[in-house]
Amino acid sequence: MGVWAACAMAQQPTLKIAHIDTFSGPTASTGATIAKTMLYAVDLVNQRGGVLGQKLEVVPMDNGGDPTKAIALLSSVVGQKFI
């Protein structure tokens, strides 16, 4: 990536991805595995210049396996510029 592209990327806001999953409790290993896969993919995209010059960031949110908590977490990110 050239200097100009790096400067342009630094000036763009980060695109945040809300990852609402189970990170605690009996099925936490599933959420952790998916999180690792998402972080790997996001790192690859960011190394290649991001999306339209914007870097991606994964924001993990633990729902503890509770659907009600998952809905509350989703409601909390609506309108906060998450993708």
PDB file of N, CA and C in Angstrom:
ATOM      1  N   MET A   1       0.855  -1.169   0.000  1.00  0.00           N
ATOM      2  CA  MET A   1       0.000   0.000   0.000  1.00  0.00           C
ATOM      3  C   MET A   1       0.899   1.229   0.000  1.00  0.00           C
ATOM      4  N   GLY A   2       0.567   2.190  -0.829  1.00  0.00           N
ATOM      5  CA  GLY A   2       1.364   3.397  -0.920  1.00  0.00           C
ATOM      6  C   GLY A   2       1.118   4.341   0.235  1.00  0.00           C
ATOM      7  N   VAL A   3       1.965   5.371   0.322  1.00  0.00           N
ATOM      8  CA  VAL A   3       1.848   6.347   1.403  1.00  0.00           C
ATOM      9  C   VAL A   3       0.514   7.078   1.318  1.00  0.00           C
ATOM     10  N   TRP A   4       0.102   7.441   0.096  1.00  0.00           N
ATOM     11  CA  TRP A   4      -1.166   8.152  -0.065  1.00  0.00           C
ATOM     12  C   TRP A   4      -2.328   7.302   0.417  1.00  0.00           C
ATOM     13  N   ALA A   5      -2.336   6.023   0.048  1.00  0.00           N
ATOM     14  CA  ALA A   5      -3.426   5.134   0.456  1.00  0.00           C
ATOM     15  C   ALA A   5      -3.441   4.960   1.974  1.00  0.00           C
ATOM     16  N   ALA A   6      -2.265   4.871   2.570  1.00  0.00           N
ATOM     17  CA  ALA A   6      -2.183   4.726   4.033  1.00  0.00           C
ATOM     18  C   ALA A   6      -2.720   5.970   4.722  1.00  0.00           C
ATOM     19  N   CYS A   7      -2.403   7.145   4.201  1.00  0.00           N
ATOM     20  CA  CYS A   7      -2.903   8.397   4.787  1.00  0.00           C
ATOM     21  C   CYS A   7      -4.417   8.498   4.631  1.00  0.00           C
ATOM     22  N   ALA A   8      -4.924   8.128   3.453  1.00  0.00           N
ATOM     23  CA  ALA A   8      -6.362   8.184   3.223  1.00  0.00           C
ATOM     24  C   ALA A   8      -7.090   7.226   4.143  1.00  0.00           C
ATOM     25  N   MET A   9      -6.512   6.043   4.356  1.00  0.00           N
ATOM     26  CA  MET A   9      -7.131   5.057   5.217  1.00  0.00           C
ATOM     27  C   MET A   9      -7.133   5.528   6.670  1.00  0.00           C
ATOM     28  N   ALA A  10      -6.083   6.215   7.073  1.00  0.00           N
ATOM     29  CA  ALA A  10      -5.984   6.693   8.450  1.00  0.00           C
ATOM     30  C   ALA A  10      -7.024   7.772   8.736  1.00  0.00           C
ATOM     31  N   GLN A  11      -7.436   8.518   7.706  1.00  0.00           N
ATOM     32  CA  GLN A  11      -8.387   9.606   7.904  1.00  0.00           C
ATOM     33  C   GLN A  11      -9.838   9.125   7.914  1.00  0.00           C
ATOM     34  N   GLN A  12     -10.096   7.942   7.403  1.00  0.00           N
ATOM     35  CA  GLN A  12     -11.451   7.408   7.322  1.00  0.00           C
ATOM     36  C   GLN A  12     -11.872   6.845   8.686  1.00  0.00           C
ATOM     37  N   PRO A  13     -13.148   6.976   9.026  1.00  0.00           N
ATOM     38  CA  PRO A  13     -13.602   6.351  10.270  1.00  0.00           C
ATOM     39  C   PRO A  13     -13.594   4.828  10.128  1.00  0.00           C
ATOM     40  N   THR A  14     -13.413   4.150  11.243  1.00  0.00           N
ATOM     41  CA  THR A  14     -13.411   2.691  11.254  1.00  0.00           C
ATOM     42  C   THR A  14     -14.841   2.181  11.153  1.00  0.00           C
ATOM     43  N   LEU A  15     -15.041   1.145  10.338  1.00  0.00           N
ATOM     44  CA  LEU A  15     -16.346   0.495  10.236  1.00  0.00           C
ATOM     45  C   LEU A  15     -16.401  -0.579  11.318  1.00  0.00           C
ATOM     46  N   LYS A  16     -17.317  -0.421  12.239  1.00  0.00           N
ATOM     47  CA  LYS A  16     -17.420  -1.357  13.352  1.00  0.00           C
ATOM     48  C   LYS A  16     -18.448  -2.445  13.032  1.00  0.00           C
ATOM     49  N   ILE A  17     -18.062  -3.689  13.324  1.00  0.00           N
ATOM     50  CA  ILE A  17     -18.938  -4.833  13.125  1.00  0.00           C
ATOM     51  C   ILE A  17     -19.280  -5.391  14.502  1.00  0.00           C
ATOM     52  N   ALA A  18     -20.547  -5.371  14.851  1.00  0.00           N
ATOM     53  CA  ALA A  18     -20.984  -5.932  16.126  1.00  0.00           C
ATOM     54  C   ALA A  18     -21.059  -7.452  15.994  1.00  0.00           C
ATOM     55  N   HIS A  19     -20.306  -8.156  16.824  1.00  0.00           N
ATOM     56  CA  HIS A  19     -20.363  -9.614  16.850  1.00  0.00           C
ATOM     57  C   HIS A  19     -21.018 -10.034  18.153  1.00  0.00           C
ATOM     58  N   ILE A  20     -22.333 -10.248  18.071  1.00  0.00           N
ATOM     59  CA  ILE A  20     -23.112 -10.652  19.240  1.00  0.00           C
ATOM     60  C   ILE A  20     -23.172 -12.176  19.237  1.00  0.00           C
ATOM     61  N   ASP A  21     -22.582 -12.773  20.262  1.00  0.00           N
ATOM     62  CA  ASP A  21     -22.482 -14.231  20.312  1.00  0.00           C
ATOM     63  C   ASP A  21     -22.317 -14.674  21.763  1.00  0.00           C
ATOM     64  N   THR A  22     -22.223 -15.973  21.959  1.00  0.00           N
ATOM     65  CA  THR A  22     -22.033 -16.534  23.289  1.00  0.00           C
ATOM     66  C   THR A  22     -20.538 -16.684  23.565  1.00  0.00           C
ATOM     67  N   PHE A  23     -20.017 -15.871  24.473  1.00  0.00           N
ATOM     68  CA  PHE A  23     -18.602 -15.937  24.852  1.00  0.00           C
ATOM     69  C   PHE A  23     -18.423 -16.450  26.280  1.00  0.00           C
ATOM     70  N   SER A  24     -19.533 -16.751  26.941  1.00  0.00           N
ATOM     71  CA  SER A  24     -19.475 -17.313  28.289  1.00  0.00           C
ATOM     72  C   SER A  24     -20.543 -18.395  28.392  1.00  0.00           C
ATOM     73  N   GLY A  25     -20.364 -19.275  29.350  1.00  0.00           N
ATOM     74  CA  GLY A  25     -21.319 -20.354  29.525  1.00  0.00           C
ATOM     75  C   GLY A  25     -20.906 -21.613  28.788  1.00  0.00           C
ATOM     76  N   PRO A  26     -21.800 -22.606  28.735  1.00  0.00           N
ATOM     77  CA  PRO A  26     -21.452 -23.913  28.197  1.00  0.00           C
ATOM     78  C   PRO A  26     -21.117 -23.934  26.706  1.00  0.00           C
ATOM     79  N   THR A  27     -21.622 -22.979  25.940  1.00  0.00           N
ATOM     80  CA  THR A  27     -21.341 -22.973  24.491  1.00  0.00           C
ATOM     81  C   THR A  27     -20.367 -21.870  24.094  1.00  0.00           C
ATOM     82  N   ALA A  28     -19.580 -21.406  25.037  1.00  0.00           N
ATOM     83  CA  ALA A  28     -18.643 -20.309  24.773  1.00  0.00           C
ATOM     84  C   ALA A  28     -17.608 -20.662  23.707  1.00  0.00           C
ATOM     85  N   SER A  29     -17.245 -21.931  23.603  1.00  0.00           N
ATOM     86  CA  SER A  29     -16.223 -22.312  22.623  1.00  0.00           C
ATOM     87  C   SER A  29     -16.677 -22.019  21.196  1.00  0.00           C
ATOM     88  N   THR A  30     -17.967 -22.117  20.945  1.00  0.00           N
ATOM     89  CA  THR A  30     -18.485 -21.808  19.609  1.00  0.00           C
ATOM     90  C   THR A  30     -18.301 -20.323  19.295  1.00  0.00           C
ATOM     91  N   GLY A  31     -18.683 -19.466  20.225  1.00  0.00           N
ATOM     92  CA  GLY A  31     -18.514 -18.026  20.022  1.00  0.00           C
ATOM     93  C   GLY A  31     -17.056 -17.649  19.843  1.00  0.00           C
ATOM     94  N   ALA A  32     -16.170 -18.276  20.627  1.00  0.00           N
ATOM     95  CA  ALA A  32     -14.733 -17.982  20.533  1.00  0.00           C
ATOM     96  C   ALA A  32     -14.176 -18.398  19.185  1.00  0.00           C
ATOM     97  N   THR A  33     -14.625 -19.536  18.676  1.00  0.00           N
ATOM     98  CA  THR A  33     -14.159 -20.013  17.371  1.00  0.00           C
ATOM     99  C   THR A  33     -14.608 -19.070  16.260  1.00  0.00           C
ATOM    100  N   ILE A  34     -15.855 -18.666  16.317  1.00  0.00           N
ATOM    101  CA  ILE A  34     -16.365 -17.734  15.300  1.00  0.00           C
ATOM    102  C   ILE A  34     -15.635 -16.401  15.401  1.00  0.00           C
ATOM    103  N   ALA A  35     -15.375 -15.934  16.618  1.00  0.00           N
ATOM    104  CA  ALA A  35     -14.661 -14.667  16.809  1.00  0.00           C
ATOM    105  C   ALA A  35     -13.265 -14.728  16.192  1.00  0.00           C
ATOM    106  N   LYS A  36     -12.547 -15.827  16.399  1.00  0.00           N
ATOM    107  CA  LYS A  36     -11.212 -15.970  15.822  1.00  0.00           C
ATOM    108  C   LYS A  36     -11.268 -15.937  14.300  1.00  0.00           C
ATOM    109  N   THR A  37     -12.265 -16.600  13.734  1.00  0.00           N
ATOM    110  CA  THR A  37     -12.429 -16.622  12.275  1.00  0.00           C
ATOM    111  C   THR A  37     -12.742 -15.229  11.752  1.00  0.00           C
ATOM    112  N   MET A  38     -13.632 -14.515  12.436  1.00  0.00           N
ATOM    113  CA  MET A  38     -13.970 -13.152  12.009  1.00  0.00           C
ATOM    114  C   MET A  38     -12.760 -12.232  12.096  1.00  0.00           C
ATOM    115  N   LEU A  39     -11.994 -12.319  13.183  1.00  0.00           N
ATOM    116  CA  LEU A  39     -10.813 -11.470  13.344  1.00  0.00           C
ATOM    117  C   LEU A  39      -9.783 -11.756  12.264  1.00  0.00           C
ATOM    118  N   TYR A  40      -9.620 -13.020  11.915  1.00  0.00           N
ATOM    119  CA  TYR A  40      -8.693 -13.387  10.838  1.00  0.00           C
ATOM    120  C   TYR A  40      -9.139 -12.752   9.520  1.00  0.00           C
ATOM    121  N   ALA A  41     -10.429 -12.875   9.197  1.00  0.00           N
ATOM    122  CA  ALA A  41     -10.947 -12.314   7.952  1.00  0.00           C
ATOM    123  C   ALA A  41     -10.820 -10.791   7.931  1.00  0.00           C
ATOM    124  N   VAL A  42     -11.141 -10.155   9.047  1.00  0.00           N
ATOM    125  CA  VAL A  42     -11.042  -8.695   9.135  1.00  0.00           C
ATOM    126  C   VAL A  42      -9.588  -8.244   8.983  1.00  0.00           C
ATOM    127  N   ASP A  43      -8.666  -8.971   9.584  1.00  0.00           N
ATOM    128  CA  ASP A  43      -7.239  -8.637   9.429  1.00  0.00           C
ATOM    129  C   ASP A  43      -6.817  -8.713   7.967  1.00  0.00           C
ATOM    130  N   LEU A  44      -7.271  -9.740   7.261  1.00  0.00           N
ATOM    131  CA  LEU A  44      -6.946  -9.861   5.837  1.00  0.00           C
ATOM    132  C   LEU A  44      -7.494  -8.680   5.032  1.00  0.00           C
ATOM    133  N   VAL A  45      -8.748  -8.328   5.302  1.00  0.00           N
ATOM    134  CA  VAL A  45      -9.371  -7.203   4.589  1.00  0.00           C
ATOM    135  C   VAL A  45      -8.612  -5.912   4.893  1.00  0.00           C
ATOM    136  N   ASN A  46      -8.280  -5.685   6.161  1.00  0.00           N
ATOM    137  CA  ASN A  46      -7.568  -4.462   6.549  1.00  0.00           C
ATOM    138  C   ASN A  46      -6.176  -4.402   5.937  1.00  0.00           C
ATOM    139  N   GLN A  47      -5.485  -5.537   5.845  1.00  0.00           N
ATOM    140  CA  GLN A  47      -4.156  -5.567   5.229  1.00  0.00           C
ATOM    141  C   GLN A  47      -4.223  -5.203   3.755  1.00  0.00           C
ATOM    142  N   ARG A  48      -5.359  -5.443   3.132  1.00  0.00           N
ATOM    143  CA  ARG A  48      -5.537  -5.161   1.705  1.00  0.00           C
ATOM    144  C   ARG A  48      -6.172  -3.798   1.456  1.00  0.00           C
ATOM    145  N   GLY A  49      -6.237  -2.984   2.482  1.00  0.00           N
ATOM    146  CA  GLY A  49      -6.744  -1.632   2.294  1.00  0.00           C
ATOM    147  C   GLY A  49      -8.119  -1.371   2.846  1.00  0.00           C
ATOM    148  N   GLY A  50      -8.714  -2.356   3.484  1.00  0.00           N
ATOM    149  CA  GLY A  50     -10.034  -2.157   4.083  1.00  0.00           C
ATOM    150  C   GLY A  50     -11.146  -2.212   3.057  1.00  0.00           C
ATOM    151  N   VAL A  51     -12.256  -1.616   3.387  1.00  0.00           N
ATOM    152  CA  VAL A  51     -13.421  -1.553   2.505  1.00  0.00           C
ATOM    153  C   VAL A  51     -13.587  -0.105   2.087  1.00  0.00           C
ATOM    154  N   LEU A  52     -13.360   0.143   0.814  1.00  0.00           N
ATOM    155  CA  LEU A  52     -13.421   1.509   0.281  1.00  0.00           C
ATOM    156  C   LEU A  52     -12.550   2.458   1.103  1.00  0.00           C
ATOM    157  N   GLY A  53     -11.373   1.950   1.499  1.00  0.00           N
ATOM    158  CA  GLY A  53     -10.420   2.758   2.242  1.00  0.00           C
ATOM    159  C   GLY A  53     -10.663   2.846   3.736  1.00  0.00           C
ATOM    160  N   GLN A  54     -11.679   2.154   4.225  1.00  0.00           N
ATOM    161  CA  GLN A  54     -11.979   2.195   5.652  1.00  0.00           C
ATOM    162  C   GLN A  54     -11.604   0.865   6.300  1.00  0.00           C
ATOM    163  N   LYS A  55     -10.927   0.952   7.451  1.00  0.00           N
ATOM    164  CA  LYS A  55     -10.588  -0.257   8.198  1.00  0.00           C
ATOM    165  C   LYS A  55     -11.829  -0.803   8.893  1.00  0.00           C
ATOM    166  N   LEU A  56     -11.799  -2.115   9.117  1.00  0.00           N
ATOM    167  CA  LEU A  56     -12.868  -2.786   9.840  1.00  0.00           C
ATOM    168  C   LEU A  56     -12.422  -3.080  11.264  1.00  0.00           C
ATOM    169  N   GLU A  57     -13.373  -3.114  12.176  1.00  0.00           N
ATOM    170  CA  GLU A  57     -13.110  -3.466  13.569  1.00  0.00           C
ATOM    171  C   GLU A  57     -14.259  -4.328  14.078  1.00  0.00           C
ATOM    172  N   VAL A  58     -13.929  -5.480  14.639  1.00  0.00           N
ATOM    173  CA  VAL A  58     -14.949  -6.351  15.225  1.00  0.00           C
ATOM    174  C   VAL A  58     -15.093  -6.000  16.703  1.00  0.00           C
ATOM    175  N   VAL A  59     -16.336  -5.783  17.127  1.00  0.00           N
ATOM    176  CA  VAL A  59     -16.618  -5.482  18.527  1.00  0.00           C
ATOM    177  C   VAL A  59     -17.414  -6.662  19.095  1.00  0.00           C
ATOM    178  N   PRO A  60     -16.742  -7.554  19.863  1.00  0.00           N
ATOM    179  CA  PRO A  60     -17.449  -8.705  20.413  1.00  0.00           C
ATOM    180  C   PRO A  60     -18.365  -8.308  21.576  1.00  0.00           C
ATOM    181  N   MET A  61     -19.553  -8.904  21.594  1.00  0.00           N
ATOM    182  CA  MET A  61     -20.532  -8.637  22.645  1.00  0.00           C
ATOM    183  C   MET A  61     -21.115  -9.969  23.102  1.00  0.00           C
ATOM    184  N   ASP A  62     -20.978 -10.258  24.384  1.00  0.00           N
ATOM    185  CA  ASP A  62     -21.391 -11.541  24.940  1.00  0.00           C
ATOM    186  C   ASP A  62     -22.865 -11.544  25.316  1.00  0.00           C
ATOM    187  N   ASN A  63     -23.627 -12.437  24.687  1.00  0.00           N
ATOM    188  CA  ASN A  63     -25.037 -12.566  25.052  1.00  0.00           C
ATOM    189  C   ASN A  63     -25.254 -13.668  26.082  1.00  0.00           C
ATOM    190  N   GLY A  64     -24.185 -14.381  26.444  1.00  0.00           N
ATOM    191  CA  GLY A  64     -24.279 -15.422  27.464  1.00  0.00           C
ATOM    192  C   GLY A  64     -25.238 -16.547  27.111  1.00  0.00           C
ATOM    193  N   GLY A  65     -25.575 -16.680  25.830  1.00  0.00           N
ATOM    194  CA  GLY A  65     -26.516 -17.718  25.413  1.00  0.00           C
ATOM    195  C   GLY A  65     -27.967 -17.366  25.663  1.00  0.00           C
ATOM    196  N   ASP A  66     -28.226 -16.127  26.030  1.00  0.00           N
ATOM    197  CA  ASP A  66     -29.579 -15.671  26.368  1.00  0.00           C
ATOM    198  C   ASP A  66     -30.153 -14.861  25.207  1.00  0.00           C
ATOM    199  N   PRO A  67     -31.210 -15.358  24.551  1.00  0.00           N
ATOM    200  CA  PRO A  67     -31.798 -14.633  23.423  1.00  0.00           C
ATOM    201  C   PRO A  67     -32.281 -13.224  23.786  1.00  0.00           C
ATOM    202  N   THR A  68     -32.803 -13.062  24.983  1.00  0.00           N
ATOM    203  CA  THR A  68     -33.275 -11.743  25.420  1.00  0.00           C
ATOM    204  C   THR A  68     -32.105 -10.763  25.504  1.00  0.00           C
ATOM    205  N   LYS A  69     -30.981 -11.241  26.036  1.00  0.00           N
ATOM    206  CA  LYS A  69     -29.793 -10.387  26.127  1.00  0.00           C
ATOM    207  C   LYS A  69     -29.248 -10.077  24.733  1.00  0.00           C
ATOM    208  N   ALA A  70     -29.326 -11.050  23.818  1.00  0.00           N
ATOM    209  CA  ALA A  70     -28.877 -10.830  22.443  1.00  0.00           C
ATOM    210  C   ALA A  70     -29.679  -9.711  21.777  1.00  0.00           C
ATOM    211  N   ILE A  71     -30.985  -9.728  21.988  1.00  0.00           N
ATOM    212  CA  ILE A  71     -31.845  -8.683  21.424  1.00  0.00           C
ATOM    213  C   ILE A  71     -31.519  -7.331  22.048  1.00  0.00           C
ATOM    214  N   ALA A  72     -31.277  -7.311  23.348  1.00  0.00           N
ATOM    215  CA  ALA A  72     -30.918  -6.062  24.022  1.00  0.00           C
ATOM    216  C   ALA A  72     -29.594  -5.515  23.489  1.00  0.00           C
ATOM    217  N   LEU A  73     -28.624  -6.404  23.263  1.00  0.00           N
ATOM    218  CA  LEU A  73     -27.337  -5.956  22.712  1.00  0.00           C
ATOM    219  C   LEU A  73     -27.510  -5.416  21.299  1.00  0.00           C
ATOM    220  N   LEU A  74     -28.307  -6.096  20.499  1.00  0.00           N
ATOM    221  CA  LEU A  74     -28.566  -5.618  19.146  1.00  0.00           C
ATOM    222  C   LEU A  74     -29.242  -4.256  19.176  1.00  0.00           C
ATOM    223  N   SER A  75     -30.217  -4.098  20.048  1.00  0.00           N
ATOM    224  CA  SER A  75     -30.905  -2.806  20.183  1.00  0.00           C
ATOM    225  C   SER A  75     -29.937  -1.706  20.597  1.00  0.00           C
ATOM    226  N   SER A  76     -28.944  -2.062  21.412  1.00  0.00           N
ATOM    227  CA  SER A  76     -27.998  -1.054  21.892  1.00  0.00           C
ATOM    228  C   SER A  76     -27.054  -0.556  20.797  1.00  0.00           C
ATOM    229  N   VAL A  77     -26.834  -1.370  19.767  1.00  0.00           N
ATOM    230  CA  VAL A  77     -25.911  -0.931  18.709  1.00  0.00           C
ATOM    231  C   VAL A  77     -26.622  -0.266  17.541  1.00  0.00           C
ATOM    232  N   VAL A  78     -27.944  -0.425  17.464  1.00  0.00           N
ATOM    233  CA  VAL A  78     -28.692   0.220  16.383  1.00  0.00           C
ATOM    234  C   VAL A  78     -28.549   1.733  16.531  1.00  0.00           C
ATOM    235  N   GLY A  79     -28.167   2.381  15.479  1.00  0.00           N
ATOM    236  CA  GLY A  79     -27.996   3.823  15.495  1.00  0.00           C
ATOM    237  C   GLY A  79     -26.626   4.274  15.966  1.00  0.00           C
ATOM    238  N   GLN A  80     -25.719   3.329  16.273  1.00  0.00           N
ATOM    239  CA  GLN A  80     -24.381   3.692  16.705  1.00  0.00           C
ATOM    240  C   GLN A  80     -23.341   3.487  15.606  1.00  0.00           C
ATOM    241  N   LYS A  81     -23.786   3.440  14.377  1.00  0.00           N
ATOM    242  CA  LYS A  81     -22.908   3.303  13.215  1.00  0.00           C
ATOM    243  C   LYS A  81     -22.135   1.986  13.186  1.00  0.00           C
ATOM    244  N   PHE A  82     -22.769   0.928  13.662  1.00  0.00           N
ATOM    245  CA  PHE A  82     -22.218  -0.407  13.494  1.00  0.00           C
ATOM    246  C   PHE A  82     -22.739  -0.939  12.160  1.00  0.00           C
ATOM    247  N   ILE A  83     -21.984  -1.867  11.585  1.00  0.00           N
ATOM    248  CA  ILE A  83     -22.471  -2.507  10.365  1.00  0.00           C
ATOM    249  C   ILE A  83     -22.729  -3.965  10.647  1.00  0.00           C
TER     250      ILE A  83
END
